[in-house]
N, C-alpha and C. Protein backbone atom coordinates (compact mmCIF):
# COMPACT_ATOMS: atom_id res chain seq x y z
N UNK A 1 13.96 1.48 0.58
CA UNK A 1 12.34 2.32 0.48
C UNK A 1 12.55 2.74 0.07
N UNK A 2 11.85 4.11 -1.37
CA UNK A 2 12.08 5.22 -1.96
C UNK A 2 11.87 6.67 -1.43
N UNK A 3 12.55 6.90 -1.82
CA UNK A 3 12.87 9.08 -1.21
C UNK A 3 11.75 9.52 -0.31
N UNK A 4 11.12 9.57 -1.42
CA UNK A 4 9.78 10.51 -1.13
C UNK A 4 8.46 9.26 -0.39
N UNK A 5 8.95 8.64 -0.08
CA UNK A 5 8.43 7.07 1.06
C UNK A 5 8.72 7.65 2.10
N UNK A 6 10.13 7.24 1.71
CA UNK A 6 10.65 7.37 3.97
C UNK A 6 10.98 8.47 3.83
N UNK A 7 10.74 9.18 3.66
CA UNK A 7 10.71 10.63 3.79
C UNK A 7 8.71 10.14 4.97
N UNK A 8 7.90 10.41 3.92
CA UNK A 8 6.46 10.01 4.75
C UNK A 8 6.93 9.33 6.00
N UNK A 9 7.91 8.31 6.24
CA UNK A 9 6.81 8.19 7.00
C UNK A 9 8.27 8.21 8.45
N UNK A 10 9.32 8.90 7.88
CA UNK A 10 10.40 9.33 9.17
C UNK A 10 8.94 10.89 9.20
N UNK A 11 8.28 11.52 8.75
CA UNK A 11 7.55 12.29 9.33
C UNK A 11 6.24 11.87 9.48
N UNK A 12 5.75 10.56 9.90
CA UNK A 12 5.12 10.82 10.00
C UNK A 12 4.76 9.61 11.75
N UNK A 13 6.41 10.21 11.64
CA UNK A 13 7.15 8.98 13.56
C UNK A 13 7.39 10.55 14.43
N UNK A 14 6.77 11.07 14.51
CA UNK A 14 7.36 12.34 15.38
C UNK A 14 5.88 12.18 15.76
N UNK A 15 5.70 12.69 17.27
CA UNK A 15 4.97 12.75 17.93
C UNK A 15 3.42 14.13 18.03
N UNK A 16 3.00 13.42 18.47
CA UNK A 16 1.21 14.33 17.73
C UNK A 16 0.87 13.72 18.99
N UNK A 17 -0.56 14.37 19.56
CA UNK A 17 -1.49 13.74 19.49
C UNK A 17 -2.23 13.40 19.75
N UNK A 18 -2.86 12.63 20.64
CA UNK A 18 -3.86 11.36 19.84
C UNK A 18 -4.79 11.54 19.67
N UNK A 19 -5.90 11.74 19.04
CA UNK A 19 -7.09 11.12 18.11
C UNK A 19 -7.62 9.96 18.11
N UNK A 20 -8.23 8.34 19.13
CA UNK A 20 -8.91 7.63 19.51
C UNK A 20 -9.24 7.68 17.48
N UNK A 21 -9.98 8.49 16.63
CA UNK A 21 -9.90 7.67 15.34
C UNK A 21 -8.87 7.99 15.11
N UNK A 22 -7.68 8.36 14.82
CA UNK A 22 -6.66 7.94 14.42
C UNK A 22 -5.65 6.85 13.39
N UNK A 23 -5.38 5.64 14.99
CA UNK A 23 -5.74 4.52 14.81
C UNK A 23 -6.66 3.53 13.72
N UNK A 24 -7.26 3.83 14.73
CA UNK A 24 -8.47 2.57 13.69
C UNK A 24 -8.13 2.88 12.45
N UNK A 25 -8.61 4.05 12.18
CA UNK A 25 -8.64 4.27 11.36
C UNK A 25 -6.71 4.05 10.01
N UNK A 26 -6.55 4.02 10.11
CA UNK A 26 -5.00 3.28 9.83
C UNK A 26 -5.16 1.94 9.48
N UNK A 27 -5.57 1.66 10.52
CA UNK A 27 -5.40 -0.09 10.71
C UNK A 27 -6.30 -0.93 10.05
N UNK A 28 -7.75 0.29 9.28
CA UNK A 28 -8.79 -0.25 8.75
C UNK A 28 -7.64 0.27 7.43
N UNK A 29 -7.19 1.04 6.87
CA UNK A 29 -6.03 0.79 5.66
C UNK A 29 -4.85 0.37 5.45
N UNK A 30 -4.89 -0.29 6.42
CA UNK A 30 -3.69 -1.17 6.35
C UNK A 30 -4.56 -2.79 5.58
N UNK A 31 -5.56 -2.98 6.77
CA UNK A 31 -6.17 -3.98 6.15
C UNK A 31 -7.49 -3.96 4.53
N UNK A 32 -6.85 -3.24 4.29
CA UNK A 32 -7.03 -3.06 2.24
C UNK A 32 -5.31 -3.21 2.08
N UNK A 33 -5.29 -2.26 2.25
CA UNK A 33 -3.48 -2.60 1.58
C UNK A 33 -3.66 -3.86 1.45
N UNK A 34 -3.65 -4.91 2.80
CA UNK A 34 -2.74 -6.33 2.46
C UNK A 34 -3.86 -7.17 1.55
N UNK A 35 -5.44 -6.91 1.91
CA UNK A 35 -6.16 -7.34 1.13
C UNK A 35 -5.64 -7.54 -0.49
N UNK A 36 -5.08 -6.07 -0.75
CA UNK A 36 -5.63 -5.57 -3.11
C UNK A 36 -3.42 -6.60 -3.29
N UNK A 37 -3.04 -5.80 -2.13
CA UNK A 37 -1.70 -6.05 -1.76
C UNK A 37 -1.56 -7.75 -2.15
N UNK A 38 -2.88 -9.05 -1.47
CA UNK A 38 -2.61 -9.98 -1.95
C UNK A 38 -2.79 -10.54 -3.28
N UNK A 39 -4.37 -9.84 -3.53
CA UNK A 39 -4.21 -9.91 -4.70
C UNK A 39 -3.92 -9.06 -5.89
N UNK A 40 -2.90 -8.08 -5.99
CA UNK A 40 -1.90 -8.17 -6.98
C UNK A 40 -0.75 -9.09 -7.48
N UNK A 41 -0.83 -9.64 -5.95
CA UNK A 41 1.00 -10.60 -6.04
C UNK A 41 -0.15 -12.12 -6.85
N UNK A 42 -1.68 -12.79 -6.56
CA UNK A 42 -1.94 -13.61 -7.53
C UNK A 42 -1.81 -13.46 -8.47
N UNK A 43 -2.44 -11.81 -9.24
CA UNK A 43 -2.45 -10.93 -10.70
C UNK A 43 -1.65 -11.17 -11.16
N UNK A 44 -0.54 -11.92 -10.81
CA UNK A 44 0.80 -10.71 -10.26
C UNK A 44 1.47 -12.61 -11.24
N UNK A 45 1.35 -13.50 -9.96
CA UNK A 45 1.58 -15.04 -9.99
C UNK A 45 0.61 -15.04 -10.80
N UNK A 46 -0.17 -15.66 -11.66
CA UNK A 46 -0.80 -15.43 -12.68
C UNK A 46 -0.86 -15.62 -13.88
N UNK A 47 0.05 -13.87 -13.72
CA UNK A 47 0.92 -13.95 -16.19
C UNK A 47 2.47 -14.99 -15.41
N UNK A 48 2.44 -14.35 -14.34
CA UNK A 48 3.76 -15.44 -14.62
C UNK A 48 3.81 -16.54 -14.81
N UNK A 49 2.80 -17.80 -14.71
CA UNK A 49 2.85 -19.08 -15.35
C UNK A 49 3.46 -19.69 -13.93
N UNK A 50 3.06 -20.75 -14.53
CA UNK A 50 3.70 -21.89 -13.31
C UNK A 50 4.31 -21.91 -11.52
N UNK A 51 4.79 -22.12 -11.01
CA UNK A 51 5.31 -20.96 -9.63
C UNK A 51 5.96 -22.48 -8.81
N UNK A 52 5.36 -23.26 -8.52
CA UNK A 52 5.64 -24.60 -7.54
C UNK A 52 5.59 -24.19 -6.32
N UNK A 53 6.32 -25.13 -5.11
CA UNK A 53 5.91 -24.78 -3.51
C UNK A 53 5.50 -23.47 -3.79
N UNK A 54 5.37 -23.58 -2.30
CA UNK A 54 5.45 -21.69 -1.67
C UNK A 54 6.79 -21.44 -1.40
N UNK A 55 7.79 -21.79 -0.63
CA UNK A 55 8.82 -21.27 -0.65
C UNK A 55 9.94 -20.49 -2.14
N UNK A 56 9.80 -21.32 -3.33
CA UNK A 56 8.67 -20.40 -4.52
C UNK A 56 9.38 -19.19 -5.28
N UNK A 57 7.56 -19.71 -4.07
CA UNK A 57 7.04 -18.71 -4.94
C UNK A 57 7.57 -17.62 -3.97
N UNK A 58 7.39 -17.69 -3.09
CA UNK A 58 8.29 -16.04 -2.04
C UNK A 58 9.91 -16.12 -2.70
N UNK A 59 10.12 -17.15 -3.32
CA UNK A 59 11.06 -16.26 -3.76
C UNK A 59 11.03 -15.34 -4.80
N UNK A 60 9.93 -15.83 -5.66
CA UNK A 60 9.97 -15.53 -6.72
C UNK A 60 8.85 -13.90 -6.96
N UNK A 61 8.07 -14.11 -5.25
CA UNK A 61 7.48 -12.58 -5.25
C UNK A 61 8.96 -11.57 -4.34
N UNK A 62 9.78 -11.83 -3.65
CA UNK A 62 10.81 -11.42 -3.55
C UNK A 62 12.21 -10.91 -4.79
N UNK A 63 12.21 -12.13 -4.74
CA UNK A 63 13.55 -11.56 -5.97
C UNK A 63 13.80 -11.19 -7.49
N UNK A 64 12.07 -11.76 -7.97
CA UNK A 64 12.20 -11.76 -9.82
C UNK A 64 12.20 -10.13 -10.12
N UNK A 65 12.48 -10.21 -11.67
CA UNK A 65 11.34 -8.68 -11.85
C UNK A 65 10.80 -8.21 -11.67
N UNK A 66 9.86 -9.37 -12.23
CA UNK A 66 8.26 -9.54 -12.72
C UNK A 66 7.29 -8.63 -12.15
N UNK A 67 8.80 -9.19 -10.58
CA UNK A 67 7.12 -9.17 -9.05
C UNK A 67 7.93 -7.44 -8.73
N UNK A 68 9.10 -6.99 -9.12
CA UNK A 68 9.66 -5.59 -8.49
C UNK A 68 9.09 -4.50 -8.39
N UNK A 69 8.01 -4.97 -9.31
CA UNK A 69 7.02 -2.90 -9.09
C UNK A 69 6.29 -2.85 -7.38
N UNK A 70 5.78 -3.88 -7.40
CA UNK A 70 4.99 -4.40 -6.07
C UNK A 70 5.46 -4.58 -4.76
N UNK A 71 7.00 -3.72 -4.47
CA UNK A 71 7.99 -4.23 -3.84
C UNK A 71 8.20 -2.60 -3.33
N UNK A 72 7.04 -2.01 -4.07
CA UNK A 72 6.89 -0.83 -3.56
C UNK A 72 6.22 -0.65 -2.49
N UNK A 73 4.93 -1.48 -3.08
CA UNK A 73 3.28 -1.24 -2.05
C UNK A 73 4.20 -1.83 -0.28
N UNK A 74 4.34 -3.53 -1.05
CA UNK A 74 4.92 -4.35 0.29
C UNK A 74 6.24 -3.15 1.13
N UNK A 75 6.80 -1.84 1.03
CA UNK A 75 7.90 -1.17 1.63
C UNK A 75 6.78 -0.43 2.44
N UNK A 76 5.71 0.02 1.35
CA UNK A 76 5.00 0.84 1.86
C UNK A 76 3.90 0.86 3.17
N UNK A 77 3.86 -0.64 3.24
CA UNK A 77 2.72 -1.19 3.35
C UNK A 77 3.81 -1.67 5.28
N UNK A 78 5.05 -2.06 5.35
CA UNK A 78 5.61 -2.14 6.43
C UNK A 78 5.90 -0.79 7.70
N UNK A 79 6.00 0.57 6.69
CA UNK A 79 5.99 1.78 7.10
C UNK A 79 4.60 1.75 7.90
N UNK A 80 3.62 1.40 7.59
CA UNK A 80 2.20 1.53 7.83
C UNK A 80 2.57 1.02 9.14
N UNK A 81 2.67 -0.55 8.76
CA UNK A 81 2.91 -1.35 9.70
C UNK A 81 4.05 -0.54 11.54
N UNK A 82 4.08 -0.39 11.12
CA UNK A 82 6.00 0.07 11.87
C UNK A 82 5.05 1.89 12.87
N UNK A 83 4.76 2.04 12.12
CA UNK A 83 3.73 3.00 12.33
C UNK A 83 2.73 3.12 13.61
N UNK A 84 1.81 1.37 13.02
CA UNK A 84 0.33 1.31 13.86
C UNK A 84 1.95 0.33 15.01
N UNK A 85 2.94 -0.16 15.37
CA UNK A 85 2.97 -0.68 16.34
C UNK A 85 3.59 0.28 16.69
N UNK A 86 4.10 1.24 17.14
CA UNK A 86 4.36 2.65 17.50
C UNK A 86 3.69 3.27 18.29
N UNK A 87 4.16 2.81 19.34
CA UNK A 87 3.34 3.20 20.72
C UNK A 87 2.95 5.26 20.61
N UNK A 88 3.83 6.28 20.04
CA UNK A 88 3.40 7.52 20.30
C UNK A 88 2.31 7.58 19.58
N UNK A 89 1.33 8.59 19.60
CA UNK A 89 0.04 9.10 19.90
C UNK A 89 0.10 9.50 17.73
N UNK A 90 -1.15 9.11 17.43
CA UNK A 90 -1.79 9.29 16.15
C UNK A 90 -2.45 11.01 16.43
N UNK A 91 -2.17 11.77 15.16
CA UNK A 91 -2.83 12.83 14.85
C UNK A 91 -3.06 12.90 13.27
N UNK A 92 -4.06 13.12 12.65
CA UNK A 92 -5.22 13.25 11.57
C UNK A 92 -3.85 13.67 10.20
N UNK A 93 -2.64 15.02 10.43
CA UNK A 93 -2.29 15.03 10.01
C UNK A 93 -1.34 13.84 9.47
N UNK A 94 -1.20 12.85 10.86
CA UNK A 94 0.06 11.65 10.83
C UNK A 94 -0.91 10.78 8.66
N UNK A 95 -1.99 10.00 10.37
CA UNK A 95 -2.97 9.89 8.85
C UNK A 95 -3.08 10.30 7.50
N UNK A 96 -2.98 12.24 7.13
CA UNK A 96 -3.58 12.09 6.65
C UNK A 96 -2.08 11.87 5.51
N UNK A 97 -1.02 11.98 5.56
CA UNK A 97 0.47 11.59 4.88
C UNK A 97 -0.14 9.96 4.58
N UNK A 98 -0.01 9.77 4.91
CA UNK A 98 -0.40 7.76 4.75
C UNK A 98 -1.11 7.87 3.27
N UNK A 99 -2.51 8.78 3.98
CA UNK A 99 -3.21 9.01 2.19
C UNK A 99 -3.05 9.50 1.51
N UNK A 100 -2.03 10.31 1.33
CA UNK A 100 -1.66 11.18 0.04
C UNK A 100 -0.47 10.02 -0.42
N UNK A 101 0.18 9.65 0.44
CA UNK A 101 0.99 8.33 -0.47
C UNK A 101 0.73 7.94 -0.92
N UNK A 102 -0.65 7.34 -0.41
CA UNK A 102 -1.22 5.88 -0.89
C UNK A 102 -1.53 6.33 -2.32
N UNK A 103 -2.86 7.31 -1.98
CA UNK A 103 -2.90 8.30 -3.28
C UNK A 103 -2.00 8.65 -4.85
N UNK A 104 -0.87 8.85 -4.15
CA UNK A 104 0.34 9.20 -5.21
C UNK A 104 0.68 7.56 -5.63
N UNK A 105 0.53 6.35 -4.72
CA UNK A 105 0.28 5.17 -5.56
C UNK A 105 -0.40 4.44 -6.75
N UNK A 106 -1.47 5.04 -6.59
CA UNK A 106 -2.74 4.66 -6.40
C UNK A 106 -3.66 6.44 -7.65
N UNK A 107 -3.71 6.59 -6.72
CA UNK A 107 -4.45 8.03 -7.84
C UNK A 107 -4.62 8.34 -6.66
N UNK A 108 -5.91 9.53 -7.00
CA UNK A 108 -5.34 10.10 -8.02
C UNK A 108 -4.30 11.05 -7.85
N UNK A 109 -3.84 10.96 -7.04
CA UNK A 109 -2.62 12.28 -7.19
C UNK A 109 -1.58 11.69 -7.91
N UNK A 110 -0.69 12.69 -8.47
CA UNK A 110 0.61 12.77 -9.13
C UNK A 110 0.96 10.97 -8.77
N UNK A 111 1.87 10.23 -9.61
CA UNK A 111 2.06 8.72 -9.82
C UNK A 111 3.65 9.44 -8.53
N UNK A 112 4.08 9.31 -7.71
CA UNK A 112 4.60 8.81 -6.70
C UNK A 112 5.78 8.35 -7.54
N UNK A 113 5.52 6.65 -8.09
CA UNK A 113 5.80 6.39 -8.43
C UNK A 113 6.04 5.28 -9.86
N UNK A 114 6.43 5.74 -10.71
CA UNK A 114 5.63 5.61 -12.18
C UNK A 114 5.02 4.38 -12.44
N UNK A 115 6.57 3.34 -12.37
CA UNK A 115 6.70 2.38 -12.55
C UNK A 115 5.00 1.37 -12.01
N UNK A 116 5.20 2.00 -10.73
CA UNK A 116 4.27 1.09 -10.63
C UNK A 116 2.78 1.21 -10.81
N UNK A 117 2.22 2.78 -11.44
CA UNK A 117 0.94 3.32 -11.56
C UNK A 117 0.57 2.63 -12.82
N UNK A 118 1.60 2.92 -13.65
CA UNK A 118 0.84 1.80 -15.07
C UNK A 118 1.65 0.19 -14.90
N UNK A 119 1.97 -0.30 -13.92
CA UNK A 119 1.50 -1.94 -13.90
C UNK A 119 -0.19 -2.45 -12.76
N UNK A 120 0.48 -0.81 -12.05
CA UNK A 120 -1.97 -0.62 -11.13
C UNK A 120 -2.48 -0.93 -12.36
N UNK A 121 -2.85 0.43 -12.67
CA UNK A 121 -3.73 0.55 -14.26
C UNK A 121 -3.80 -0.57 -14.70
N UNK A 122 -2.96 -1.56 -15.39
CA UNK A 122 -2.59 -3.07 -15.69
C UNK A 122 -3.79 -3.62 -15.06
N UNK A 123 -3.28 -3.70 -13.94
CA UNK A 123 -4.00 -4.27 -13.29
C UNK A 123 -5.84 -3.93 -12.53
N UNK A 124 -5.46 -2.94 -12.75
CA UNK A 124 -6.65 -2.23 -12.47
C UNK A 124 -8.01 -2.76 -13.99
N UNK A 125 -7.45 -3.29 -15.19
CA UNK A 125 -8.56 -2.97 -15.97
C UNK A 125 -7.96 -5.03 -15.86
N UNK A 126 -7.42 -5.53 -15.92
CA UNK A 126 -6.77 -6.33 -16.13
C UNK A 126 -7.46 -7.73 -15.04
N UNK A 127 -8.25 -7.26 -14.07
CA UNK A 127 -9.07 -8.31 -13.02
C UNK A 127 -10.04 -7.22 -11.94
N UNK A 128 -11.57 -7.76 -12.41
CA UNK A 128 -12.87 -7.49 -11.46
C UNK A 128 -12.33 -7.64 -10.52
N UNK A 129 -11.31 -8.64 -9.02
CA UNK A 129 -11.63 -8.31 -8.58
C UNK A 129 -10.27 -7.30 -7.85
N UNK A 130 -9.60 -7.47 -8.57
CA UNK A 130 -8.26 -5.66 -8.45
C UNK A 130 -9.53 -4.64 -8.45
N UNK A 131 -10.45 -4.87 -9.58
CA UNK A 131 -10.87 -3.15 -10.04
C UNK A 131 -12.16 -2.72 -7.45
N UNK A 132 -12.45 -4.60 -7.17
CA UNK A 132 -13.13 -3.98 -6.59
C UNK A 132 -12.34 -3.85 -5.48
N UNK A 133 -10.92 -4.34 -5.36
CA UNK A 133 -10.29 -4.08 -3.31
C UNK A 133 -10.38 -2.74 -4.24
N UNK A 134 -10.09 -2.13 -5.93
CA UNK A 134 -9.76 -0.87 -4.88
C UNK A 134 -10.30 0.28 -5.12
N UNK A 135 -11.76 -0.52 -5.30
CA UNK A 135 -12.82 0.77 -4.94
C UNK A 135 -13.27 0.44 -2.95
N UNK A 136 -12.83 -0.48 -3.10
CA UNK A 136 -13.27 -0.28 -1.47
C UNK A 136 -11.71 0.54 -0.68
N UNK A 137 -10.81 0.72 -1.45
CA UNK A 137 -9.62 0.77 -0.58
C UNK A 137 -9.62 2.57 -1.00
N UNK A 138 -10.68 3.42 -2.50
CA UNK A 138 -10.71 4.77 -2.26
C UNK A 138 -12.07 4.86 -0.94
N UNK A 139 -12.83 4.31 -1.22
CA UNK A 139 -14.10 4.69 0.45
C UNK A 139 -13.20 4.31 1.48
N UNK A 140 -11.88 4.19 1.94
CA UNK A 140 -11.00 2.71 2.83
C UNK A 140 -10.38 4.90 2.89
N UNK A 141 -9.93 5.22 1.75
CA UNK A 141 -9.45 6.70 1.91
C UNK A 141 -9.78 8.35 2.67
N UNK A 142 -11.55 7.23 1.37
CA UNK A 142 -12.31 8.62 1.79
C UNK A 142 -12.59 8.80 2.84
N UNK A 143 -12.44 8.20 4.11
CA UNK A 143 -13.03 8.33 5.22
C UNK A 143 -11.69 8.98 5.94
N UNK A 144 -10.83 8.98 5.50
CA UNK A 144 -9.77 9.41 5.90
C UNK A 144 -9.79 11.51 6.01
N UNK A 145 -8.52 12.24 7.32
CA UNK A 145 -8.49 13.71 6.31
C UNK A 145 -7.47 13.55 5.37
N UNK A 146 -7.78 14.66 5.04
CA UNK A 146 -7.38 15.16 3.40
C UNK A 146 -5.65 16.37 3.94
């Protein structure tokens, strides 16, 4: 995992007083990211060309350099899911840190992963589906604490 995202997940693992709204907010973020991630994989797969069977597609997504930029998002989603699986309470600061990390990937914050940002912006322009999911993700992020 990239250092800045790894540090975020480490910071978030600390115990905080729970606010009952924080876990559902992060669950909503995780759902929005999964939808976007799937659409980005689909778009990259179409650009790559004929893939073959599902196993070959999985190998392509996990190993091929054309899909490497998506691994940043995949790793972030794993860290988010692990935090959601943790029984430790969540507070607004923890949720805010996840929001900031996502905004570092997709904007409007400065790019935390430049290659991801460039390819993500290209995907936004190439696919109305990605654009719509981006809008939904931005709305989800707007409901999270800063």
